[in-house]
Full PDB file with SEQRES, HELIX, SHEET, SSBOND, CRYST1, ORIGX, SCALE, CONECT and MASTER records, all heavy atoms in Angstrom:
SEQRES   1 A   42  ASN ARG ALA THR GLN THR LEU ARG SER PRO GLY SER ALA          
SEQRES   2 A   42  ILE LYS PRO PHE VAL TYR GLY THR ALA ILE GLU ALA GLY          
SEQRES   3 A   42  TRP THR GLN THR THR THR VAL LEU ASP ALA PRO VAL SER          
SEQRES   4 A   42  PHE ARG ASP                                                  
HELIX    1 AA1 GLY A   11  ILE A   14  5                                   4    
HELIX    2 AA2 LYS A   15  GLU A   24  1                                  10    
CRYST1    1.000    1.000    1.000  90.00  90.00  90.00 P 1           1          
ORIGX1      1.000000  0.000000  0.000000        0.00000                         
ORIGX2      0.000000  1.000000  0.000000        0.00000                         
ORIGX3      0.000000  0.000000  1.000000        0.00000                         
SCALE1      1.000000  0.000000  0.000000        0.00000                         
SCALE2      0.000000  1.000000  0.000000        0.00000                         
SCALE3      0.000000  0.000000  1.000000        0.00000                         
ATOM      1  N   ASN A   1      15.833 -14.250 -17.535  1.00  0.00           N  
ATOM      2  CA  ASN A   1      15.907 -12.799 -17.377  1.00  0.00           C  
ATOM      3  C   ASN A   1      15.079 -12.375 -16.175  1.00  0.00           C  
ATOM      4  O   ASN A   1      13.851 -12.335 -16.226  1.00  0.00           O  
ATOM      5  CB  ASN A   1      15.382 -12.118 -18.646  1.00  0.00           C  
ATOM      6  CG  ASN A   1      15.693 -10.643 -18.678  1.00  0.00           C  
ATOM      7  OD1 ASN A   1      15.899 -10.007 -17.651  1.00  0.00           O  
ATOM      8  ND2 ASN A   1      15.728 -10.088 -19.877  1.00  0.00           N  
ATOM      9  N   ARG A   2      15.750 -12.047 -15.093  1.00  0.00           N  
ATOM     10  CA  ARG A   2      15.054 -11.690 -13.858  1.00  0.00           C  
ATOM     11  C   ARG A   2      14.393 -10.320 -13.927  1.00  0.00           C  
ATOM     12  O   ARG A   2      13.562  -9.997 -13.067  1.00  0.00           O  
ATOM     13  CB  ARG A   2      16.046 -11.743 -12.691  1.00  0.00           C  
ATOM     14  CG  ARG A   2      16.534 -13.163 -12.421  1.00  0.00           C  
ATOM     15  CD  ARG A   2      17.931 -13.193 -11.841  1.00  0.00           C  
ATOM     16  NE  ARG A   2      18.446 -14.559 -11.810  1.00  0.00           N  
ATOM     17  CZ  ARG A   2      19.043 -15.132 -12.849  1.00  0.00           C  
ATOM     18  NH1 ARG A   2      19.221 -14.476 -13.983  1.00  0.00           N  
ATOM     19  NH2 ARG A   2      19.475 -16.385 -12.759  1.00  0.00           N  
ATOM     20  N   ALA A   3      14.721  -9.538 -14.934  1.00  0.00           N  
ATOM     21  CA  ALA A   3      14.102  -8.223 -15.082  1.00  0.00           C  
ATOM     22  C   ALA A   3      12.744  -8.292 -15.754  1.00  0.00           C  
ATOM     23  O   ALA A   3      11.938  -7.372 -15.618  1.00  0.00           O  
ATOM     24  CB  ALA A   3      15.020  -7.294 -15.874  1.00  0.00           C  
ATOM     25  N   THR A   4      12.481  -9.383 -16.478  1.00  0.00           N  
ATOM     26  CA  THR A   4      11.233  -9.465 -17.241  1.00  0.00           C  
ATOM     27  C   THR A   4      10.457 -10.759 -17.044  1.00  0.00           C  
ATOM     28  O   THR A   4       9.246 -10.784 -17.264  1.00  0.00           O  
ATOM     29  CB  THR A   4      11.523  -9.327 -18.750  1.00  0.00           C  
ATOM     30  OG1 THR A   4      12.370 -10.414 -19.173  1.00  0.00           O  
ATOM     31  CG2 THR A   4      12.207  -8.009 -19.057  1.00  0.00           C  
ATOM     32  N   GLN A   5      11.121 -11.835 -16.635  1.00  0.00           N  
ATOM     33  CA  GLN A   5      10.489 -13.152 -16.665  1.00  0.00           C  
ATOM     34  C   GLN A   5      10.110 -13.690 -15.297  1.00  0.00           C  
ATOM     35  O   GLN A   5       9.864 -14.880 -15.161  1.00  0.00           O  
ATOM     36  CB  GLN A   5      11.423 -14.150 -17.363  1.00  0.00           C  
ATOM     37  CG  GLN A   5      11.635 -13.844 -18.831  1.00  0.00           C  
ATOM     38  CD  GLN A   5      12.570 -14.842 -19.487  1.00  0.00           C  
ATOM     39  OE1 GLN A   5      13.706 -15.043 -19.056  1.00  0.00           O  
ATOM     40  NE2 GLN A   5      12.102 -15.491 -20.539  1.00  0.00           N  
ATOM     41  N   THR A   6      10.038 -12.838 -14.311  1.00  0.00           N  
ATOM     42  CA  THR A   6       9.662 -13.313 -12.980  1.00  0.00           C  
ATOM     43  C   THR A   6       8.745 -12.307 -12.316  1.00  0.00           C  
ATOM     44  O   THR A   6       8.882 -11.097 -12.518  1.00  0.00           O  
ATOM     45  CB  THR A   6      10.915 -13.535 -12.113  1.00  0.00           C  
ATOM     46  OG1 THR A   6      10.530 -14.045 -10.839  1.00  0.00           O  
ATOM     47  CG2 THR A   6      11.689 -12.250 -11.924  1.00  0.00           C  
ATOM     48  N   LEU A   7       7.797 -12.795 -11.541  1.00  0.00           N  
ATOM     49  CA  LEU A   7       6.917 -11.943 -10.748  1.00  0.00           C  
ATOM     50  C   LEU A   7       7.307 -12.110  -9.289  1.00  0.00           C  
ATOM     51  O   LEU A   7       7.251 -13.211  -8.746  1.00  0.00           O  
ATOM     52  CB  LEU A   7       5.446 -12.335 -10.953  1.00  0.00           C  
ATOM     53  CG  LEU A   7       4.891 -12.202 -12.368  1.00  0.00           C  
ATOM     54  CD1 LEU A   7       3.433 -12.659 -12.416  1.00  0.00           C  
ATOM     55  CD2 LEU A   7       5.006 -10.778 -12.864  1.00  0.00           C  
ATOM     56  N   ARG A   8       7.723 -11.020  -8.662  1.00  0.00           N  
ATOM     57  CA  ARG A   8       8.157 -11.073  -7.281  1.00  0.00           C  
ATOM     58  C   ARG A   8       7.298 -10.152  -6.421  1.00  0.00           C  
ATOM     59  O   ARG A   8       6.733  -9.168  -6.894  1.00  0.00           O  
ATOM     60  CB  ARG A   8       9.633 -10.637  -7.172  1.00  0.00           C  
ATOM     61  CG  ARG A   8      10.573 -11.357  -8.107  1.00  0.00           C  
ATOM     62  CD  ARG A   8      10.705 -12.835  -7.821  1.00  0.00           C  
ATOM     63  NE  ARG A   8      11.290 -13.133  -6.543  1.00  0.00           N  
ATOM     64  CZ  ARG A   8      12.255 -14.026  -6.333  1.00  0.00           C  
ATOM     65  NH1 ARG A   8      12.757 -14.716  -7.352  1.00  0.00           N  
ATOM     66  NH2 ARG A   8      12.715 -14.251  -5.131  1.00  0.00           N  
ATOM     67  N   SER A   9       7.222 -10.488  -5.136  1.00  0.00           N  
ATOM     68  CA  SER A   9       6.433  -9.676  -4.211  1.00  0.00           C  
ATOM     69  C   SER A   9       7.080  -8.309  -4.046  1.00  0.00           C  
ATOM     70  O   SER A   9       8.266  -8.216  -3.744  1.00  0.00           O  
ATOM     71  CB  SER A   9       6.329 -10.368  -2.851  1.00  0.00           C  
ATOM     72  OG  SER A   9       5.737  -9.503  -1.910  1.00  0.00           O  
ATOM     73  N   PRO A  10       6.310  -7.211  -4.221  1.00  0.00           N  
ATOM     74  CA  PRO A  10       6.902  -5.871  -4.138  1.00  0.00           C  
ATOM     75  C   PRO A  10       7.107  -5.364  -2.727  1.00  0.00           C  
ATOM     76  O   PRO A  10       7.761  -4.340  -2.523  1.00  0.00           O  
ATOM     77  CB  PRO A  10       5.878  -5.003  -4.874  1.00  0.00           C  
ATOM     78  CG  PRO A  10       4.583  -5.701  -4.628  1.00  0.00           C  
ATOM     79  CD  PRO A  10       4.902  -7.169  -4.618  1.00  0.00           C  
ATOM     80  N   GLY A  11       6.561  -6.044  -1.716  1.00  0.00           N  
ATOM     81  CA  GLY A  11       6.680  -5.546  -0.359  1.00  0.00           C  
ATOM     82  C   GLY A  11       6.114  -4.143  -0.244  1.00  0.00           C  
ATOM     83  O   GLY A  11       5.102  -3.792  -0.866  1.00  0.00           O  
ATOM     84  N   SER A  12       6.782  -3.296   0.519  1.00  0.00           N  
ATOM     85  CA  SER A  12       6.286  -1.944   0.762  1.00  0.00           C  
ATOM     86  C   SER A  12       6.387  -1.025  -0.449  1.00  0.00           C  
ATOM     87  O   SER A  12       5.866   0.097  -0.411  1.00  0.00           O  
ATOM     88  CB  SER A  12       7.050  -1.320   1.933  1.00  0.00           C  
ATOM     89  OG  SER A  12       6.733  -1.991   3.139  1.00  0.00           O  
ATOM     90  N   ALA A  13       7.048  -1.449  -1.511  1.00  0.00           N  
ATOM     91  CA  ALA A  13       7.115  -0.622  -2.715  1.00  0.00           C  
ATOM     92  C   ALA A  13       5.735  -0.455  -3.338  1.00  0.00           C  
ATOM     93  O   ALA A  13       5.553   0.388  -4.224  1.00  0.00           O  
ATOM     94  CB  ALA A  13       8.077  -1.243  -3.726  1.00  0.00           C  
ATOM     95  N   ILE A  14       4.764  -1.203  -2.849  1.00  0.00           N  
ATOM     96  CA  ILE A  14       3.401  -1.093  -3.367  1.00  0.00           C  
ATOM     97  C   ILE A  14       2.607   0.012  -2.669  1.00  0.00           C  
ATOM     98  O   ILE A  14       1.567   0.462  -3.168  1.00  0.00           O  
ATOM     99  CB  ILE A  14       2.671  -2.453  -3.216  1.00  0.00           C  
ATOM    100  CG1 ILE A  14       1.583  -2.600  -4.262  1.00  0.00           C  
ATOM    101  CG2 ILE A  14       2.109  -2.627  -1.811  1.00  0.00           C  
ATOM    102  CD1 ILE A  14       0.986  -3.990  -4.340  1.00  0.00           C  
ATOM    103  N   LYS A  15       3.081   0.468  -1.524  1.00  0.00           N  
ATOM    104  CA  LYS A  15       2.301   1.416  -0.710  1.00  0.00           C  
ATOM    105  C   LYS A  15       1.974   2.730  -1.409  1.00  0.00           C  
ATOM    106  O   LYS A  15       0.891   3.289  -1.189  1.00  0.00           O  
ATOM    107  CB  LYS A  15       3.017   1.669   0.611  1.00  0.00           C  
ATOM    108  CG  LYS A  15       3.014   0.454   1.529  1.00  0.00           C  
ATOM    109  CD  LYS A  15       3.879   0.662   2.762  1.00  0.00           C  
ATOM    110  CE  LYS A  15       3.907  -0.593   3.631  1.00  0.00           C  
ATOM    111  NZ  LYS A  15       4.846  -0.475   4.767  1.00  0.00           N  
ATOM    112  N   PRO A  16       2.850   3.290  -2.255  1.00  0.00           N  
ATOM    113  CA  PRO A  16       2.463   4.526  -2.945  1.00  0.00           C  
ATOM    114  C   PRO A  16       1.182   4.377  -3.776  1.00  0.00           C  
ATOM    115  O   PRO A  16       0.422   5.340  -3.914  1.00  0.00           O  
ATOM    116  CB  PRO A  16       3.671   4.834  -3.832  1.00  0.00           C  
ATOM    117  CG  PRO A  16       4.824   4.213  -3.113  1.00  0.00           C  
ATOM    118  CD  PRO A  16       4.262   2.960  -2.504  1.00  0.00           C  
ATOM    119  N   PHE A  17       0.937   3.184  -4.299  1.00  0.00           N  
ATOM    120  CA  PHE A  17      -0.276   2.974  -5.081  1.00  0.00           C  
ATOM    121  C   PHE A  17      -1.505   2.909  -4.168  1.00  0.00           C  
ATOM    122  O   PHE A  17      -2.592   3.338  -4.548  1.00  0.00           O  
ATOM    123  CB  PHE A  17      -0.148   1.687  -5.902  1.00  0.00           C  
ATOM    124  CG  PHE A  17       0.992   1.721  -6.875  1.00  0.00           C  
ATOM    125  CD1 PHE A  17       2.245   1.247  -6.517  1.00  0.00           C  
ATOM    126  CD2 PHE A  17       0.820   2.256  -8.136  1.00  0.00           C  
ATOM    127  CE1 PHE A  17       3.305   1.297  -7.401  1.00  0.00           C  
ATOM    128  CE2 PHE A  17       1.875   2.309  -9.035  1.00  0.00           C  
ATOM    129  CZ  PHE A  17       3.128   1.833  -8.663  1.00  0.00           C  
ATOM    130  N   VAL A  18      -1.325   2.377  -2.967  1.00  0.00           N  
ATOM    131  CA  VAL A  18      -2.419   2.337  -1.996  1.00  0.00           C  
ATOM    132  C   VAL A  18      -2.781   3.754  -1.565  1.00  0.00           C  
ATOM    133  O   VAL A  18      -3.955   4.152  -1.576  1.00  0.00           O  
ATOM    134  CB  VAL A  18      -2.019   1.481  -0.780  1.00  0.00           C  
ATOM    135  CG1 VAL A  18      -3.139   1.490   0.266  1.00  0.00           C  
ATOM    136  CG2 VAL A  18      -1.706   0.048  -1.210  1.00  0.00           C  
ATOM    137  N   TYR A  19      -1.771   4.535  -1.201  1.00  0.00           N  
ATOM    138  CA  TYR A  19      -2.036   5.899  -0.754  1.00  0.00           C  
ATOM    139  C   TYR A  19      -2.512   6.785  -1.914  1.00  0.00           C  
ATOM    140  O   TYR A  19      -3.312   7.699  -1.713  1.00  0.00           O  
ATOM    141  CB  TYR A  19      -0.790   6.490  -0.096  1.00  0.00           C  
ATOM    142  CG  TYR A  19      -0.463   5.830   1.226  1.00  0.00           C  
ATOM    143  CD1 TYR A  19       0.809   5.329   1.486  1.00  0.00           C  
ATOM    144  CD2 TYR A  19      -1.435   5.695   2.210  1.00  0.00           C  
ATOM    145  CE1 TYR A  19       1.111   4.716   2.699  1.00  0.00           C  
ATOM    146  CE2 TYR A  19      -1.145   5.084   3.430  1.00  0.00           C  
ATOM    147  CZ  TYR A  19       0.124   4.594   3.665  1.00  0.00           C  
ATOM    148  OH  TYR A  19       0.401   3.984   4.867  1.00  0.00           O  
ATOM    149  N   GLY A  20      -2.028   6.502  -3.116  1.00  0.00           N  
ATOM    150  CA  GLY A  20      -2.524   7.239  -4.267  1.00  0.00           C  
ATOM    151  C   GLY A  20      -4.001   6.994  -4.496  1.00  0.00           C  
ATOM    152  O   GLY A  20      -4.763   7.914  -4.834  1.00  0.00           O  
ATOM    153  N   THR A  21      -4.438   5.752  -4.287  1.00  0.00           N  
ATOM    154  CA  THR A  21      -5.863   5.425  -4.421  1.00  0.00           C  
ATOM    155  C   THR A  21      -6.674   6.135  -3.347  1.00  0.00           C  
ATOM    156  O   THR A  21      -7.801   6.587  -3.594  1.00  0.00           O  
ATOM    157  CB  THR A  21      -6.057   3.897  -4.323  1.00  0.00           C  
ATOM    158  OG1 THR A  21      -5.181   3.248  -5.245  1.00  0.00           O  
ATOM    159  CG2 THR A  21      -7.486   3.512  -4.641  1.00  0.00           C  
ATOM    160  N   ALA A  22      -6.109   6.240  -2.151  1.00  0.00           N  
ATOM    161  CA  ALA A  22      -6.798   6.945  -1.064  1.00  0.00           C  
ATOM    162  C   ALA A  22      -6.917   8.438  -1.372  1.00  0.00           C  
ATOM    163  O   ALA A  22      -7.968   9.053  -1.140  1.00  0.00           O  
ATOM    164  CB  ALA A  22      -6.052   6.734   0.251  1.00  0.00           C  
ATOM    165  N   ILE A  23      -5.866   9.046  -1.896  1.00  0.00           N  
ATOM    166  CA  ILE A  23      -5.919  10.465  -2.254  1.00  0.00           C  
ATOM    167  C   ILE A  23      -6.940  10.684  -3.364  1.00  0.00           C  
ATOM    168  O   ILE A  23      -7.676  11.671  -3.375  1.00  0.00           O  
ATOM    169  CB  ILE A  23      -4.516  10.958  -2.660  1.00  0.00           C  
ATOM    170  CG1 ILE A  23      -3.610  10.963  -1.428  1.00  0.00           C  
ATOM    171  CG2 ILE A  23      -4.573  12.345  -3.292  1.00  0.00           C  
ATOM    172  CD1 ILE A  23      -2.148  11.198  -1.742  1.00  0.00           C  
ATOM    173  N   GLU A  24      -6.995   9.745  -4.279  1.00  0.00           N  
ATOM    174  CA  GLU A  24      -8.001   9.811  -5.338  1.00  0.00           C  
ATOM    175  C   GLU A  24      -9.413   9.766  -4.749  1.00  0.00           C  
ATOM    176  O   GLU A  24     -10.355  10.355  -5.303  1.00  0.00           O  
ATOM    177  CB  GLU A  24      -7.785   8.626  -6.298  1.00  0.00           C  
ATOM    178  CG  GLU A  24      -8.637   8.635  -7.539  1.00  0.00           C  
ATOM    179  CD  GLU A  24      -8.297   7.461  -8.435  1.00  0.00           C  
ATOM    180  OE1 GLU A  24      -8.452   6.302  -7.982  1.00  0.00           O  
ATOM    181  OE2 GLU A  24      -7.862   7.679  -9.578  1.00  0.00           O  
ATOM    182  N   ALA A  25      -9.551   9.083  -3.615  1.00  0.00           N  
ATOM    183  CA  ALA A  25     -10.856   8.969  -2.956  1.00  0.00           C  
ATOM    184  C   ALA A  25     -11.172  10.171  -2.073  1.00  0.00           C  
ATOM    185  O   ALA A  25     -12.225  10.202  -1.426  1.00  0.00           O  
ATOM    186  CB  ALA A  25     -10.894   7.689  -2.125  1.00  0.00           C  
ATOM    187  N   GLY A  26     -10.269  11.151  -2.009  1.00  0.00           N  
ATOM    188  CA  GLY A  26     -10.549  12.360  -1.241  1.00  0.00           C  
ATOM    189  C   GLY A  26      -9.657  12.591  -0.048  1.00  0.00           C  
ATOM    190  O   GLY A  26      -9.803  13.594   0.663  1.00  0.00           O  
ATOM    191  N   TRP A  27      -8.736  11.676   0.227  1.00  0.00           N  
ATOM    192  CA  TRP A  27      -7.818  11.865   1.335  1.00  0.00           C  
ATOM    193  C   TRP A  27      -6.754  12.901   0.960  1.00  0.00           C  
ATOM    194  O   TRP A  27      -6.637  13.306  -0.200  1.00  0.00           O  
ATOM    195  CB  TRP A  27      -7.133  10.552   1.695  1.00  0.00           C  
ATOM    196  CG  TRP A  27      -8.041   9.502   2.274  1.00  0.00           C  
ATOM    197  CD1 TRP A  27      -9.376   9.335   2.037  1.00  0.00           C  
ATOM    198  CD2 TRP A  27      -7.652   8.464   3.169  1.00  0.00           C  
ATOM    199  NE1 TRP A  27      -9.853   8.254   2.721  1.00  0.00           N  
ATOM    200  CE2 TRP A  27      -8.817   7.697   3.435  1.00  0.00           C  
ATOM    201  CE3 TRP A  27      -6.465   8.100   3.781  1.00  0.00           C  
ATOM    202  CZ2 TRP A  27      -8.806   6.588   4.287  1.00  0.00           C  
ATOM    203  CZ3 TRP A  27      -6.444   6.994   4.622  1.00  0.00           C  
ATOM    204  CH2 TRP A  27      -7.604   6.256   4.879  1.00  0.00           C  
ATOM    205  N   THR A  28      -5.988  13.319   1.954  1.00  0.00           N  
ATOM    206  CA  THR A  28      -4.858  14.210   1.723  1.00  0.00           C  
ATOM    207  C   THR A  28      -3.631  13.615   2.383  1.00  0.00           C  
ATOM    208  O   THR A  28      -3.710  12.613   3.114  1.00  0.00           O  
ATOM    209  CB  THR A  28      -5.111  15.608   2.302  1.00  0.00           C  
ATOM    210  OG1 THR A  28      -5.051  15.536   3.740  1.00  0.00           O  
ATOM    211  CG2 THR A  28      -6.455  16.164   1.873  1.00  0.00           C  
ATOM    212  N   GLN A  29      -2.494  14.277   2.160  1.00  0.00           N  
ATOM    213  CA  GLN A  29      -1.268  13.799   2.803  1.00  0.00           C  
ATOM    214  C   GLN A  29      -1.360  13.898   4.324  1.00  0.00           C  
ATOM    215  O   GLN A  29      -0.660  13.165   5.033  1.00  0.00           O  
ATOM    216  CB  GLN A  29      -0.067  14.616   2.326  1.00  0.00           C  
ATOM    217  CG  GLN A  29       0.244  14.486   0.847  1.00  0.00           C  
ATOM    218  CD  GLN A  29       1.603  15.046   0.512  1.00  0.00           C  
ATOM    219  OE1 GLN A  29       2.626  14.607   1.051  1.00  0.00           O  
ATOM    220  NE2 GLN A  29       1.638  16.032  -0.386  1.00  0.00           N  
ATOM    221  N   THR A  30      -2.221  14.768   4.817  1.00  0.00           N  
ATOM    222  CA  THR A  30      -2.329  14.963   6.266  1.00  0.00           C  
ATOM    223  C   THR A  30      -3.451  14.145   6.890  1.00  0.00           C  
ATOM    224  O   THR A  30      -3.703  14.260   8.090  1.00  0.00           O  
ATOM    225  CB  THR A  30      -2.563  16.446   6.570  1.00  0.00           C  
ATOM    226  OG1 THR A  30      -3.706  16.907   5.852  1.00  0.00           O  
ATOM    227  CG2 THR A  30      -1.343  17.269   6.197  1.00  0.00           C  
ATOM    228  N   THR A  31      -4.136  13.335   6.089  1.00  0.00           N  
ATOM    229  CA  THR A  31      -5.122  12.430   6.666  1.00  0.00           C  
ATOM    230  C   THR A  31      -4.402  11.490   7.629  1.00  0.00           C  
ATOM    231  O   THR A  31      -3.348  10.947   7.309  1.00  0.00           O  
ATOM    232  CB  THR A  31      -5.828  11.615   5.569  1.00  0.00           C  
ATOM    233  OG1 THR A  31      -6.516  12.504   4.696  1.00  0.00           O  
ATOM    234  CG2 THR A  31      -6.822  10.632   6.175  1.00  0.00           C  
ATOM    235  N   THR A  32      -4.967  11.327   8.823  1.00  0.00           N  
ATOM    236  CA  THR A  32      -4.283  10.514   9.834  1.00  0.00           C  
ATOM    237  C   THR A  32      -4.909   9.134   9.968  1.00  0.00           C  
ATOM    238  O   THR A  32      -6.121   8.963   9.836  1.00  0.00           O  
ATOM    239  CB  THR A  32      -4.311  11.211  11.201  1.00  0.00           C  
ATOM    240  OG1 THR A  32      -5.664  11.527  11.540  1.00  0.00           O  
ATOM    241  CG2 THR A  32      -3.486  12.483  11.168  1.00  0.00           C  
ATOM    242  N   VAL A  33      -4.075   8.173  10.240  1.00  0.00           N  
ATOM    243  CA  VAL A  33      -4.481   6.775  10.389  1.00  0.00           C  
ATOM    244  C   VAL A  33      -3.787   6.219  11.622  1.00  0.00           C  
ATOM    245  O   VAL A  33      -2.623   6.530  11.893  1.00  0.00           O  
ATOM    246  CB  VAL A  33      -4.108   5.956   9.140  1.00  0.00           C  
ATOM    247  CG1 VAL A  33      -4.546   4.510   9.300  1.00  0.00           C  
ATOM    248  CG2 VAL A  33      -4.726   6.556   7.895  1.00  0.00           C  
ATOM    249  N   LEU A  34      -4.491   5.393  12.354  1.00  0.00           N  
ATOM    250  CA  LEU A  34      -3.962   4.833  13.593  1.00  0.00           C  
ATOM    251  C   LEU A  34      -2.927   3.755  13.319  1.00  0.00           C  
ATOM    252  O   LEU A  34      -3.151   2.845  12.519  1.00  0.00           O  
ATOM    253  CB  LEU A  34      -5.100   4.245  14.428  1.00  0.00           C  
ATOM    254  CG  LEU A  34      -4.719   3.647  15.790  1.00  0.00           C  
ATOM    255  CD1 LEU A  34      -4.200   4.736  16.725  1.00  0.00           C  
ATOM    256  CD2 LEU A  34      -5.918   2.930  16.392  1.00  0.00           C  
ATOM    257  N   ASP A  35      -1.794   3.860  13.981  1.00  0.00           N  
ATOM    258  CA  ASP A  35      -0.779   2.809  13.952  1.00  0.00           C  
ATOM    259  C   ASP A  35      -0.808   2.095  15.295  1.00  0.00           C  
ATOM    260  O   ASP A  35      -0.171   2.515  16.266  1.00  0.00           O  
ATOM    261  CB  ASP A  35       0.605   3.390  13.692  1.00  0.00           C  
ATOM    262  CG  ASP A  35       1.671   2.297  13.683  1.00  0.00           C  
ATOM    263  OD1 ASP A  35       1.387   1.214  13.138  1.00  0.00           O  
ATOM    264  OD2 ASP A  35       2.763   2.529  14.227  1.00  0.00           O  
ATOM    265  N   ALA A  36      -1.607   1.059  15.348  1.00  0.00           N  
ATOM    266  CA  ALA A  36      -1.772   0.282  16.583  1.00  0.00           C  
ATOM    267  C   ALA A  36      -2.132  -1.139  16.189  1.00  0.00           C  
ATOM    268  O   ALA A  36      -2.560  -1.399  15.062  1.00  0.00           O  
ATOM    269  CB  ALA A  36      -2.865   0.905  17.451  1.00  0.00           C  
ATOM    270  N   PRO A  37      -1.947  -2.101  17.095  1.00  0.00           N  
ATOM    271  CA  PRO A  37      -2.264  -3.491  16.759  1.00  0.00           C  
ATOM    272  C   PRO A  37      -3.687  -3.643  16.231  1.00  0.00           C  
ATOM    273  O   PRO A  37      -4.610  -2.979  16.697  1.00  0.00           O  
ATOM    274  CB  PRO A  37      -2.069  -4.220  18.090  1.00  0.00           C  
ATOM    275  CG  PRO A  37      -1.098  -3.376  18.839  1.00  0.00           C  
ATOM    276  CD  PRO A  37      -1.421  -1.967  18.464  1.00  0.00           C  
ATOM    277  N   VAL A  38      -3.832  -4.529  15.271  1.00  0.00           N  
ATOM    278  CA  VAL A  38      -5.129  -4.775  14.658  1.00  0.00           C  
ATOM    279  C   VAL A  38      -5.164  -6.240  14.239  1.00  0.00           C  
ATOM    280  O   VAL A  38      -4.128  -6.859  13.996  1.00  0.00           O  
ATOM    281  CB  VAL A  38      -5.346  -3.843  13.443  1.00  0.00           C  
ATOM    282  CG1 VAL A  38      -4.347  -4.153  12.345  1.00  0.00           C  
ATOM    283  CG2 VAL A  38      -6.773  -3.934  12.915  1.00  0.00           C  
ATOM    284  N   SER A  39      -6.343  -6.801  14.186  1.00  0.00           N  
ATOM    285  CA  SER A  39      -6.470  -8.209  13.799  1.00  0.00           C  
ATOM    286  C   SER A  39      -7.647  -8.373  12.855  1.00  0.00           C  
ATOM    287  O   SER A  39      -8.605  -7.597  12.877  1.00  0.00           O  
ATOM    288  CB  SER A  39      -6.649  -9.096  15.035  1.00  0.00           C  
ATOM    289  OG  SER A  39      -7.824  -8.736  15.744  1.00  0.00           O  
ATOM    290  N   PHE A  40      -7.568  -9.428  12.024  1.00  0.00           N  
ATOM    291  CA  PHE A  40      -8.606  -9.708  11.040  1.00  0.00           C  
ATOM    292  C   PHE A  40      -8.843 -11.211  11.000  1.00  0.00           C  
ATOM    293  O   PHE A  40      -7.920 -12.003  11.213  1.00  0.00           O  
ATOM    294  CB  PHE A  40      -8.186  -9.229   9.646  1.00  0.00           C  
ATOM    295  CG  PHE A  40      -7.850  -7.773   9.572  1.00  0.00           C  
ATOM    296  CD1 PHE A  40      -6.537  -7.339   9.748  1.00  0.00           C  
ATOM    297  CD2 PHE A  40      -8.831  -6.823   9.332  1.00  0.00           C  
ATOM    298  CE1 PHE A  40      -6.209  -6.004   9.680  1.00  0.00           C  
ATOM    299  CE2 PHE A  40      -8.510  -5.481   9.265  1.00  0.00           C  
ATOM    300  CZ  PHE A  40      -7.208  -5.068   9.440  1.00  0.00           C  
ATOM    301  N   ARG A  41     -10.068 -11.591  10.734  1.00  0.00           N  
ATOM    302  CA  ARG A  41     -10.377 -13.014  10.587  1.00  0.00           C  
ATOM    303  C   ARG A  41      -9.729 -13.532   9.311  1.00  0.00           C  
ATOM    304  O   ARG A  41      -9.876 -12.940   8.242  1.00  0.00           O  
ATOM    305  CB  ARG A  41     -11.887 -13.230  10.523  1.00  0.00           C  
ATOM    306  CG  ARG A  41     -12.620 -12.872  11.801  1.00  0.00           C  
ATOM    307  CD  ARG A  41     -14.083 -13.279  11.693  1.00  0.00           C  
ATOM    308  NE  ARG A  41     -14.832 -12.891  12.877  1.00  0.00           N  
ATOM    309  CZ  ARG A  41     -15.448 -11.729  13.012  1.00  0.00           C  
ATOM    310  NH1 ARG A  41     -15.412 -10.856  12.024  1.00  0.00           N  
ATOM    311  NH2 ARG A  41     -16.099 -11.434  14.117  1.00  0.00           N  
ATOM    312  N   ASP A  42      -9.013 -14.635   9.452  1.00  0.00           N  
ATOM    313  CA  ASP A  42      -8.341 -15.239   8.297  1.00  0.00           C  
ATOM    314  C   ASP A  42      -8.140 -16.726   8.571  1.00  0.00           C  
ATOM    315  O   ASP A  42      -7.261 -17.109   9.340  1.00  0.00           O  
ATOM    316  CB  ASP A  42      -6.995 -14.564   8.041  1.00  0.00           C  
ATOM    317  CG  ASP A  42      -6.331 -15.075   6.767  1.00  0.00           C  
ATOM    318  OD1 ASP A  42      -6.802 -16.076   6.204  1.00  0.00           O  
ATOM    319  OD2 ASP A  42      -5.336 -14.456   6.336  1.00  0.00           O  
TER     320      ASP A  42                                                      
MASTER        0    0    0    2    0    0    0    6  319    1    0    4          
END                                                                             
């Protein structure tokens, strides 16, 4: 049963939960974030 017995990567469908957490932290829909190249140590 693929509806219940598998865990799959949600991709961008997870983003509403990220932004919801940010709004909970005091952000608003109009809070701006830079869309530019970024790198992290990994």
